[in-house]
N, C-alpha and C. Protein backbone atom coordinates (compact mmCIF):
# COMPACT_ATOMS: atom_id res chain seq x y z
N MET A 1 108.91 58.67 120.51
CA MET A 1 109.47 60.13 120.71
C MET A 1 108.59 60.97 120.22
N ASP A 2 107.40 60.66 119.45
CA ASP A 2 106.42 61.66 119.02
C ASP A 2 105.44 61.81 120.21
N LEU A 3 105.40 60.74 121.01
CA LEU A 3 104.62 60.97 122.21
C LEU A 3 105.00 61.91 123.20
N ILE A 4 106.34 61.94 123.44
CA ILE A 4 107.09 62.64 124.39
C ILE A 4 107.09 64.23 123.95
N ALA A 5 107.24 64.30 122.54
CA ALA A 5 107.20 65.71 121.98
C ALA A 5 105.60 66.35 122.08
N GLU A 6 104.61 65.45 121.72
CA GLU A 6 103.41 65.89 121.85
C GLU A 6 102.95 66.34 123.60
N ILE A 7 103.38 65.43 124.49
CA ILE A 7 103.20 65.80 125.83
C ILE A 7 104.05 67.05 126.21
N ARG A 8 105.22 67.25 125.81
CA ARG A 8 105.93 68.46 126.18
C ARG A 8 105.43 69.67 125.52
N ARG A 9 104.92 69.59 124.28
CA ARG A 9 104.26 70.77 123.57
C ARG A 9 103.13 71.15 124.31
N ARG A 10 102.15 70.30 124.78
CA ARG A 10 100.83 70.49 125.23
C ARG A 10 101.09 71.12 126.53
N HIS A 11 102.14 70.79 127.43
CA HIS A 11 102.45 71.20 128.82
C HIS A 11 102.93 72.63 128.60
N LEU A 12 104.15 72.66 127.77
CA LEU A 12 105.19 73.92 127.83
C LEU A 12 104.42 74.99 126.94
N ILE A 13 103.86 74.69 125.86
CA ILE A 13 103.48 75.86 125.03
C ILE A 13 101.83 76.08 125.23
N SER A 14 101.12 75.05 125.10
CA SER A 14 99.79 75.33 125.50
C SER A 14 99.18 75.55 126.92
N GLY A 15 100.18 75.03 127.78
CA GLY A 15 99.88 75.20 129.18
C GLY A 15 98.85 74.29 129.91
N GLU A 16 98.45 73.10 129.20
CA GLU A 16 97.57 72.02 129.75
C GLU A 16 98.27 71.44 131.10
N SER A 17 97.37 70.92 131.97
CA SER A 17 97.86 70.32 133.19
C SER A 17 98.16 68.88 132.82
N ASN A 18 98.94 68.23 133.83
CA ASN A 18 99.13 66.86 133.57
C ASN A 18 97.92 65.87 133.45
N SER A 19 97.09 66.24 134.43
CA SER A 19 95.75 65.34 134.41
C SER A 19 95.15 65.59 133.04
N SER A 20 94.81 66.67 132.34
CA SER A 20 94.17 66.90 131.00
C SER A 20 94.86 66.21 130.05
N ILE A 21 96.40 66.26 130.06
CA ILE A 21 96.98 65.55 129.20
C ILE A 21 96.89 63.81 129.18
N ALA A 22 96.94 63.53 130.48
CA ALA A 22 96.92 62.33 130.66
C ALA A 22 95.32 61.73 130.06
N THR A 23 94.35 62.35 130.41
CA THR A 23 93.13 61.94 130.27
C THR A 23 92.93 62.05 128.60
N SER A 24 93.33 62.94 127.96
CA SER A 24 93.22 63.08 126.47
C SER A 24 94.11 62.07 125.55
N LEU A 25 95.11 61.79 126.11
CA LEU A 25 96.05 60.82 125.54
C LEU A 25 95.89 59.48 126.04
N LYS A 26 95.11 59.19 127.09
CA LYS A 26 94.88 58.04 127.47
C LYS A 26 96.05 57.28 128.07
N LEU A 27 96.66 58.20 129.17
CA LEU A 27 97.87 57.73 129.75
C LEU A 27 97.85 57.92 131.19
N SER A 28 98.62 57.36 132.08
CA SER A 28 98.47 57.63 133.42
C SER A 28 99.11 59.13 133.75
N ARG A 29 99.08 59.74 134.91
CA ARG A 29 99.52 60.84 135.28
C ARG A 29 101.04 60.47 135.60
N PRO A 30 101.44 59.43 136.46
CA PRO A 30 102.73 59.30 136.46
C PRO A 30 103.54 59.03 135.27
N THR A 31 102.90 58.57 133.94
CA THR A 31 103.62 58.40 132.68
C THR A 31 103.90 59.74 132.21
N VAL A 32 102.82 60.58 132.18
CA VAL A 32 102.86 62.08 131.76
C VAL A 32 104.27 62.76 132.59
N ARG A 33 104.18 62.66 133.83
CA ARG A 33 105.08 63.28 134.66
C ARG A 33 106.53 62.84 134.23
N LYS A 34 106.68 61.60 134.06
CA LYS A 34 107.99 60.88 133.67
C LYS A 34 108.41 61.65 132.23
N HIS A 35 107.63 61.65 131.35
CA HIS A 35 108.06 62.11 130.03
C HIS A 35 108.20 63.70 130.12
N LEU A 36 107.81 64.51 130.94
CA LEU A 36 108.07 65.90 131.07
C LEU A 36 109.30 66.02 131.72
N ARG A 37 109.92 65.25 132.58
CA ARG A 37 111.10 65.22 132.94
C ARG A 37 112.36 65.05 132.02
N THR A 38 111.99 64.20 130.89
CA THR A 38 113.05 63.81 130.19
C THR A 38 112.81 64.56 128.75
N THR A 39 113.92 64.40 127.92
CA THR A 39 113.80 65.01 126.69
C THR A 39 113.94 63.74 125.62
N ALA A 40 114.72 62.76 126.12
CA ALA A 40 114.99 61.69 125.18
C ALA A 40 114.19 60.38 125.32
N ALA A 41 113.94 59.57 124.31
CA ALA A 41 113.14 58.47 124.50
C ALA A 41 113.80 57.53 125.46
N PRO A 42 112.90 57.01 126.32
CA PRO A 42 113.30 55.92 127.33
C PRO A 42 113.98 54.88 126.91
N SER A 43 115.11 54.34 127.42
CA SER A 43 115.71 53.05 126.93
C SER A 43 115.70 52.12 128.20
N TYR A 44 115.55 50.97 127.82
CA TYR A 44 115.30 49.86 129.09
C TYR A 44 116.45 48.96 128.90
N HIS A 45 116.98 48.49 129.95
CA HIS A 45 118.15 47.56 130.12
C HIS A 45 117.53 46.51 131.00
N ARG A 46 117.64 45.22 130.64
CA ARG A 46 117.51 44.04 131.64
C ARG A 46 118.53 44.22 132.71
N GLN A 47 117.79 43.87 133.96
CA GLN A 47 118.42 44.00 134.98
C GLN A 47 118.78 42.54 135.71
N TYR A 48 118.73 41.60 134.96
CA TYR A 48 118.89 40.17 135.49
C TYR A 48 120.25 39.63 135.17
N GLN A 49 120.79 38.77 135.81
CA GLN A 49 121.89 38.07 135.57
C GLN A 49 121.58 36.79 134.94
N PRO A 50 122.36 36.53 133.77
CA PRO A 50 122.15 35.25 132.95
C PRO A 50 122.35 34.17 133.97
N SER A 51 121.53 33.14 133.92
CA SER A 51 121.77 32.08 134.88
C SER A 51 122.81 31.13 134.41
N PRO A 52 123.46 30.34 135.57
CA PRO A 52 124.74 29.44 134.97
C PRO A 52 124.13 28.17 134.12
N LYS A 53 124.93 27.90 133.35
CA LYS A 53 124.57 26.89 132.45
C LYS A 53 124.67 25.52 133.14
N LEU A 54 124.18 24.39 132.63
CA LEU A 54 124.37 23.15 133.25
C LEU A 54 125.79 22.65 133.06
N THR A 55 126.71 22.80 134.05
CA THR A 55 128.25 22.45 133.93
C THR A 55 128.35 20.92 134.00
N ALA A 56 129.48 20.67 133.73
CA ALA A 56 129.93 19.26 133.57
C ALA A 56 129.56 18.33 134.69
N PRO A 57 130.01 18.75 135.98
CA PRO A 57 129.70 17.75 137.05
C PRO A 57 128.28 17.75 137.18
N PHE A 58 127.36 18.67 136.86
CA PHE A 58 125.98 18.59 136.94
C PHE A 58 125.48 17.70 136.11
N GLN A 59 126.08 17.82 134.75
CA GLN A 59 125.54 17.05 133.59
C GLN A 59 125.81 15.62 133.84
N LYS A 60 127.14 15.22 134.53
CA LYS A 60 127.42 13.80 134.80
C LYS A 60 126.53 13.37 135.99
N LEU A 61 126.17 14.19 136.83
CA LEU A 61 125.23 13.61 138.05
C LEU A 61 123.75 13.43 137.42
N LEU A 62 123.48 14.24 136.57
CA LEU A 62 122.16 13.86 135.86
C LEU A 62 122.19 12.82 134.93
N THR A 63 123.17 12.49 134.33
CA THR A 63 123.45 11.23 133.43
C THR A 63 123.27 10.16 134.17
N THR A 64 124.10 10.18 135.33
CA THR A 64 123.98 8.89 136.14
C THR A 64 122.53 8.70 136.76
N TRP A 65 121.82 9.63 137.18
CA TRP A 65 120.44 9.57 137.63
C TRP A 65 119.52 8.99 136.52
N LEU A 66 119.65 9.51 135.33
CA LEU A 66 118.81 9.20 134.33
C LEU A 66 119.16 7.81 133.95
N SER A 67 120.35 7.38 133.90
CA SER A 67 120.55 5.93 133.58
C SER A 67 120.11 4.99 134.45
N VAL A 68 120.18 5.36 135.67
CA VAL A 68 119.61 4.45 136.94
C VAL A 68 118.05 4.50 136.79
N GLU A 69 117.44 5.67 136.41
CA GLU A 69 116.07 5.57 136.40
C GLU A 69 115.44 4.98 135.10
N GLN A 70 116.36 4.79 134.22
CA GLN A 70 115.86 4.19 132.93
C GLN A 70 115.47 2.67 133.30
N THR A 71 116.00 2.17 134.24
CA THR A 71 115.65 0.58 134.58
C THR A 71 114.60 0.55 135.44
N LEU A 72 114.05 1.63 136.19
CA LEU A 72 112.91 1.58 136.86
C LEU A 72 111.74 1.48 136.13
N PRO A 73 110.57 1.03 136.74
CA PRO A 73 109.25 1.10 136.04
C PRO A 73 108.99 2.63 135.92
N LYS A 74 108.09 2.97 134.89
CA LYS A 74 107.78 4.26 134.33
C LYS A 74 107.03 5.07 135.74
N SER A 75 106.25 4.31 136.29
CA SER A 75 105.58 5.18 137.39
C SER A 75 106.43 5.45 138.50
N GLN A 76 107.80 4.82 138.67
CA GLN A 76 108.78 5.24 139.69
C GLN A 76 109.82 6.32 139.34
N ARG A 77 109.84 6.59 137.87
CA ARG A 77 110.83 7.48 137.54
C ARG A 77 110.57 8.97 137.93
N ARG A 78 111.57 9.81 138.05
CA ARG A 78 111.30 11.26 138.36
C ARG A 78 111.23 12.04 137.16
N THR A 79 110.33 13.06 137.25
CA THR A 79 110.24 14.12 136.28
C THR A 79 111.30 14.91 136.00
N ALA A 80 111.35 15.84 134.92
CA ALA A 80 112.45 16.70 135.00
C ALA A 80 112.48 17.75 135.95
N GLN A 81 111.43 18.08 136.51
CA GLN A 81 111.11 18.83 137.61
C GLN A 81 111.54 18.44 138.89
N ARG A 82 111.47 17.11 139.22
CA ARG A 82 111.99 16.49 140.43
C ARG A 82 113.64 16.44 140.29
N LEU A 83 114.02 16.10 139.03
CA LEU A 83 115.55 16.06 138.98
C LEU A 83 116.01 17.33 139.11
N PHE A 84 115.36 18.39 138.61
CA PHE A 84 115.89 19.65 138.88
C PHE A 84 115.99 20.04 140.41
N GLU A 85 114.92 19.78 141.06
CA GLU A 85 114.95 19.92 142.42
C GLU A 85 116.08 19.19 143.20
N GLY A 86 116.42 17.93 142.58
CA GLY A 86 117.33 17.10 143.29
C GLY A 86 118.84 17.88 142.97
N LEU A 87 118.99 18.41 141.97
CA LEU A 87 120.23 19.15 141.46
C LEU A 87 120.29 20.45 142.33
N GLN A 88 119.22 21.01 142.67
CA GLN A 88 119.23 22.32 143.54
C GLN A 88 119.87 22.00 144.93
N ILE A 89 119.39 20.81 145.21
CA ILE A 89 119.84 20.24 146.67
C ILE A 89 121.31 19.89 146.53
N GLU A 90 121.96 19.53 145.39
CA GLU A 90 123.27 19.40 145.28
C GLU A 90 124.11 20.58 145.04
N GLY A 91 123.34 21.76 144.92
CA GLY A 91 124.09 23.04 144.80
C GLY A 91 123.82 23.93 143.37
N TYR A 92 123.05 23.19 142.45
CA TYR A 92 122.93 23.74 141.16
C TYR A 92 122.05 24.98 141.32
N LEU A 93 122.66 26.22 140.49
CA LEU A 93 122.00 27.55 140.51
C LEU A 93 121.25 27.95 139.49
N GLY A 94 121.46 27.02 138.42
CA GLY A 94 120.92 27.39 137.05
C GLY A 94 119.33 27.18 136.92
N SER A 95 118.89 27.46 135.71
CA SER A 95 117.60 27.42 135.52
C SER A 95 116.96 25.89 135.29
N TYR A 96 115.58 25.73 135.38
CA TYR A 96 114.87 24.53 135.18
C TYR A 96 115.01 24.35 133.59
N ASP A 97 114.98 25.32 132.73
CA ASP A 97 114.78 25.02 131.42
C ASP A 97 116.26 24.47 130.80
N CYS A 98 117.31 24.55 131.28
CA CYS A 98 118.48 24.01 131.18
C CYS A 98 118.52 22.47 131.39
N VAL A 99 117.98 22.02 132.43
CA VAL A 99 117.73 20.78 132.87
C VAL A 99 116.89 20.09 131.91
N ARG A 100 115.49 20.84 131.69
CA ARG A 100 114.74 20.21 130.83
C ARG A 100 115.12 19.87 129.70
N ARG A 101 115.86 20.68 128.87
CA ARG A 101 116.51 20.57 127.53
C ARG A 101 117.53 19.50 127.68
N PHE A 102 118.31 19.38 128.67
CA PHE A 102 119.32 18.19 128.89
C PHE A 102 118.67 16.82 128.96
N VAL A 103 117.65 16.73 129.67
CA VAL A 103 116.64 15.49 129.92
C VAL A 103 116.21 15.17 128.59
N LYS A 104 115.64 16.11 127.82
CA LYS A 104 114.90 15.59 126.87
C LYS A 104 115.97 15.21 125.70
N ARG A 105 117.15 15.98 125.63
CA ARG A 105 118.05 15.34 124.69
C ARG A 105 118.54 14.00 125.03
N TRP A 106 118.74 13.78 126.31
CA TRP A 106 119.42 12.51 126.81
C TRP A 106 118.44 11.43 126.57
N LYS A 107 117.09 11.55 126.71
CA LYS A 107 116.20 10.59 126.58
C LYS A 107 116.10 10.27 124.97
N GLY A 108 116.31 11.33 124.26
CA GLY A 108 116.04 11.08 122.77
C GLY A 108 117.29 10.16 122.33
N ASN A 109 118.37 10.43 122.58
CA ASN A 109 119.61 9.61 122.40
C ASN A 109 119.60 8.25 123.04
N ASN A 110 119.22 8.05 124.43
CA ASN A 110 119.28 6.86 125.06
C ASN A 110 118.09 5.93 125.39
N THR A 111 116.98 6.25 124.70
CA THR A 111 115.93 5.30 124.88
C THR A 111 115.97 4.00 124.33
N ARG A 112 115.44 2.94 125.03
CA ARG A 112 115.42 1.77 124.45
C ARG A 112 114.36 1.55 123.31
N PRO A 113 114.78 0.98 122.16
CA PRO A 113 113.86 0.70 121.23
C PRO A 113 112.41 0.08 121.78
N SER A 114 111.51 0.67 121.43
CA SER A 114 110.11 0.03 121.90
C SER A 114 109.85 -1.48 121.37
N VAL A 115 109.28 -2.28 122.21
CA VAL A 115 109.05 -3.82 121.71
C VAL A 115 107.78 -3.70 120.92
N THR A 116 107.91 -4.24 119.68
CA THR A 116 106.77 -4.36 118.84
C THR A 116 105.92 -5.48 119.40
N GLN A 117 104.81 -5.30 119.33
CA GLN A 117 103.69 -6.15 119.88
C GLN A 117 103.04 -6.90 118.83
N ALA A 118 102.87 -8.06 118.97
CA ALA A 118 102.12 -9.02 117.74
C ALA A 118 101.06 -9.69 118.26
N PHE A 119 100.21 -9.96 117.68
CA PHE A 119 98.82 -10.60 117.90
C PHE A 119 98.60 -11.57 117.00
N VAL A 120 97.75 -12.74 117.39
CA VAL A 120 97.29 -13.85 116.66
C VAL A 120 95.73 -13.48 116.65
N PRO A 121 95.28 -13.14 115.28
CA PRO A 121 93.81 -12.96 115.29
C PRO A 121 93.09 -14.26 115.57
N LEU A 122 92.01 -14.34 116.15
CA LEU A 122 91.32 -15.52 116.50
C LEU A 122 90.19 -15.51 115.38
N ARG A 123 90.41 -16.83 114.68
CA ARG A 123 89.41 -17.13 113.88
C ARG A 123 88.94 -18.48 114.10
N PHE A 124 87.61 -18.73 113.97
CA PHE A 124 87.00 -20.01 114.41
C PHE A 124 86.05 -20.43 113.22
N ALA A 125 86.13 -21.72 112.93
CA ALA A 125 85.14 -22.35 112.06
C ALA A 125 83.75 -22.31 112.45
N PRO A 126 82.81 -22.22 111.71
CA PRO A 126 81.29 -22.17 112.03
C PRO A 126 80.96 -23.34 112.89
N GLY A 127 80.34 -22.78 114.01
CA GLY A 127 79.77 -23.83 115.09
C GLY A 127 80.84 -24.44 115.98
N GLU A 128 82.25 -24.05 115.77
CA GLU A 128 83.30 -24.48 116.68
C GLU A 128 83.15 -23.85 118.09
N VAL A 129 83.03 -22.62 118.16
CA VAL A 129 83.22 -21.96 119.52
C VAL A 129 81.91 -21.07 119.59
N CYS A 130 81.29 -21.03 120.92
CA CYS A 130 80.26 -20.02 121.35
C CYS A 130 80.62 -19.49 122.70
N GLN A 131 80.05 -18.42 122.98
CA GLN A 131 80.20 -17.48 124.16
C GLN A 131 78.90 -17.98 125.02
N PHE A 132 78.90 -18.15 126.37
CA PHE A 132 77.75 -18.73 127.05
C PHE A 132 77.50 -18.00 128.31
N ASP A 133 76.23 -17.71 128.66
CA ASP A 133 76.12 -17.07 130.12
C ASP A 133 74.71 -17.23 130.61
N TRP A 134 74.41 -17.41 131.93
CA TRP A 134 73.01 -17.63 132.36
C TRP A 134 72.43 -16.23 132.96
N SER A 135 71.24 -16.00 132.95
CA SER A 135 70.51 -14.76 133.61
C SER A 135 69.31 -15.37 134.19
N GLN A 136 68.85 -14.32 135.03
CA GLN A 136 67.57 -14.87 135.87
C GLN A 136 66.52 -13.83 135.09
N GLU A 137 65.30 -14.20 134.86
CA GLU A 137 64.14 -13.31 134.34
C GLU A 137 62.94 -13.79 134.98
N GLN A 138 62.09 -12.92 135.18
CA GLN A 138 60.65 -13.17 135.57
C GLN A 138 59.82 -12.98 134.58
N VAL A 139 59.05 -13.97 134.46
CA VAL A 139 58.04 -14.19 133.08
C VAL A 139 56.48 -14.24 133.85
N ASP A 140 55.55 -13.98 133.18
CA ASP A 140 54.37 -14.30 133.34
C ASP A 140 53.79 -15.61 132.70
N ILE A 141 53.44 -16.67 133.44
CA ILE A 141 53.09 -17.79 132.85
C ILE A 141 51.68 -18.06 133.18
N ASN A 142 50.56 -18.13 132.33
CA ASN A 142 48.96 -18.11 132.99
C ASN A 142 48.71 -17.29 134.11
N GLY A 143 49.25 -15.93 134.07
CA GLY A 143 48.84 -15.03 135.05
C GLY A 143 49.61 -15.06 136.27
N THR A 144 50.61 -15.90 136.53
CA THR A 144 51.54 -16.08 137.64
C THR A 144 53.05 -15.62 137.27
N LEU A 145 53.56 -14.94 138.13
CA LEU A 145 55.01 -14.55 137.84
C LEU A 145 55.93 -15.54 138.45
N GLN A 146 56.61 -16.13 137.47
CA GLN A 146 57.81 -17.07 137.97
C GLN A 146 59.04 -16.81 137.46
N LYS A 147 60.22 -17.23 138.21
CA LYS A 147 61.51 -17.01 137.85
C LYS A 147 61.87 -18.09 137.19
N VAL A 148 62.53 -17.81 135.84
CA VAL A 148 63.12 -18.59 135.04
C VAL A 148 64.56 -18.36 134.77
N LYS A 149 65.35 -19.32 134.44
CA LYS A 149 66.86 -19.27 134.15
C LYS A 149 66.85 -19.39 132.64
N VAL A 150 67.67 -18.33 132.13
CA VAL A 150 67.90 -18.14 130.63
C VAL A 150 69.23 -18.50 130.29
N ALA A 151 69.37 -19.55 129.20
CA ALA A 151 70.78 -19.71 128.83
C ALA A 151 70.99 -18.73 127.67
N HIS A 152 72.16 -17.87 127.45
CA HIS A 152 72.40 -17.25 126.37
C HIS A 152 73.55 -17.70 125.77
N PHE A 153 73.51 -17.96 124.33
CA PHE A 153 74.50 -18.53 123.53
C PHE A 153 74.95 -17.61 122.45
N ARG A 154 75.97 -17.19 122.15
CA ARG A 154 76.53 -16.37 121.10
C ARG A 154 77.55 -17.12 120.34
N LEU A 155 77.29 -17.40 119.10
CA LEU A 155 78.08 -18.08 118.13
C LEU A 155 79.17 -17.18 117.78
N VAL A 156 80.52 -17.67 117.83
CA VAL A 156 81.47 -16.60 117.67
C VAL A 156 81.66 -16.25 116.22
N TYR A 157 81.39 -17.24 115.43
CA TYR A 157 81.65 -16.90 113.73
C TYR A 157 80.76 -16.10 113.36
N SER A 158 79.40 -16.37 113.59
CA SER A 158 78.43 -15.65 112.96
C SER A 158 77.98 -14.40 114.04
N ARG A 159 78.25 -14.63 115.25
CA ARG A 159 77.87 -13.56 116.24
C ARG A 159 76.19 -13.55 116.45
N GLN A 160 75.76 -14.64 115.94
CA GLN A 160 74.12 -14.96 116.19
C GLN A 160 73.94 -15.27 117.62
N MET A 161 72.87 -14.63 118.22
CA MET A 161 72.23 -15.25 119.52
C MET A 161 71.31 -16.40 119.56
N PHE A 162 71.56 -17.02 120.60
CA PHE A 162 70.59 -18.34 120.61
C PHE A 162 70.02 -18.26 122.12
N VAL A 163 68.82 -18.03 122.50
CA VAL A 163 68.23 -17.94 123.82
C VAL A 163 67.46 -19.10 124.06
N VAL A 164 67.64 -19.83 125.37
CA VAL A 164 66.68 -20.83 125.89
C VAL A 164 66.39 -20.60 127.41
N ALA A 165 64.95 -20.77 127.61
CA ALA A 165 64.54 -20.47 129.09
C ALA A 165 64.36 -21.88 129.62
N TYR A 166 64.77 -22.09 130.89
CA TYR A 166 64.58 -23.32 131.61
C TYR A 166 63.82 -22.86 133.10
N PRO A 167 63.27 -23.76 133.57
CA PRO A 167 62.63 -23.56 135.05
C PRO A 167 63.73 -23.53 136.10
N ARG A 168 64.81 -24.13 135.84
CA ARG A 168 66.09 -23.91 136.77
C ARG A 168 67.21 -24.40 135.90
N GLU A 169 68.39 -24.14 136.61
CA GLU A 169 69.53 -24.25 135.68
C GLU A 169 70.09 -25.84 135.63
N THR A 170 69.67 -26.58 136.28
CA THR A 170 69.79 -27.91 136.48
C THR A 170 69.41 -28.60 135.09
């Protein structure tokens, strides 16, 4: 309200132009013009209609869809957005947020308990098990390059490496 009074005082009493008032108060000229036409502070009213809520028939439809999709693999299930689009095809006029909240609440109440996974730790006695692999390397023996086959052993208990080179794998 103080801003409107200042604009009106400068224009009506001091005789300033709309442009100079807009420049000095850092406002746009249409804003200054609008405030010169009114005497009271502007009031704002929302111009939207509240969206319809998720009614019982749509809740029932969504519940059946969710219960069917709960049996599907996770990659084949529809997201809340896809469910919302399906409801729109069925005639739903409400907002996505209502559907998203309903899906979240339904999943919170109807999810299956997760399967607890167990594992058996692998423990081996010393010298009982090793990992083995072959590799092919080139080595210099008396000035000539030769291919040799290298056997790599890693003991599982101590994680120590053991390497032996052979002229061939046989």
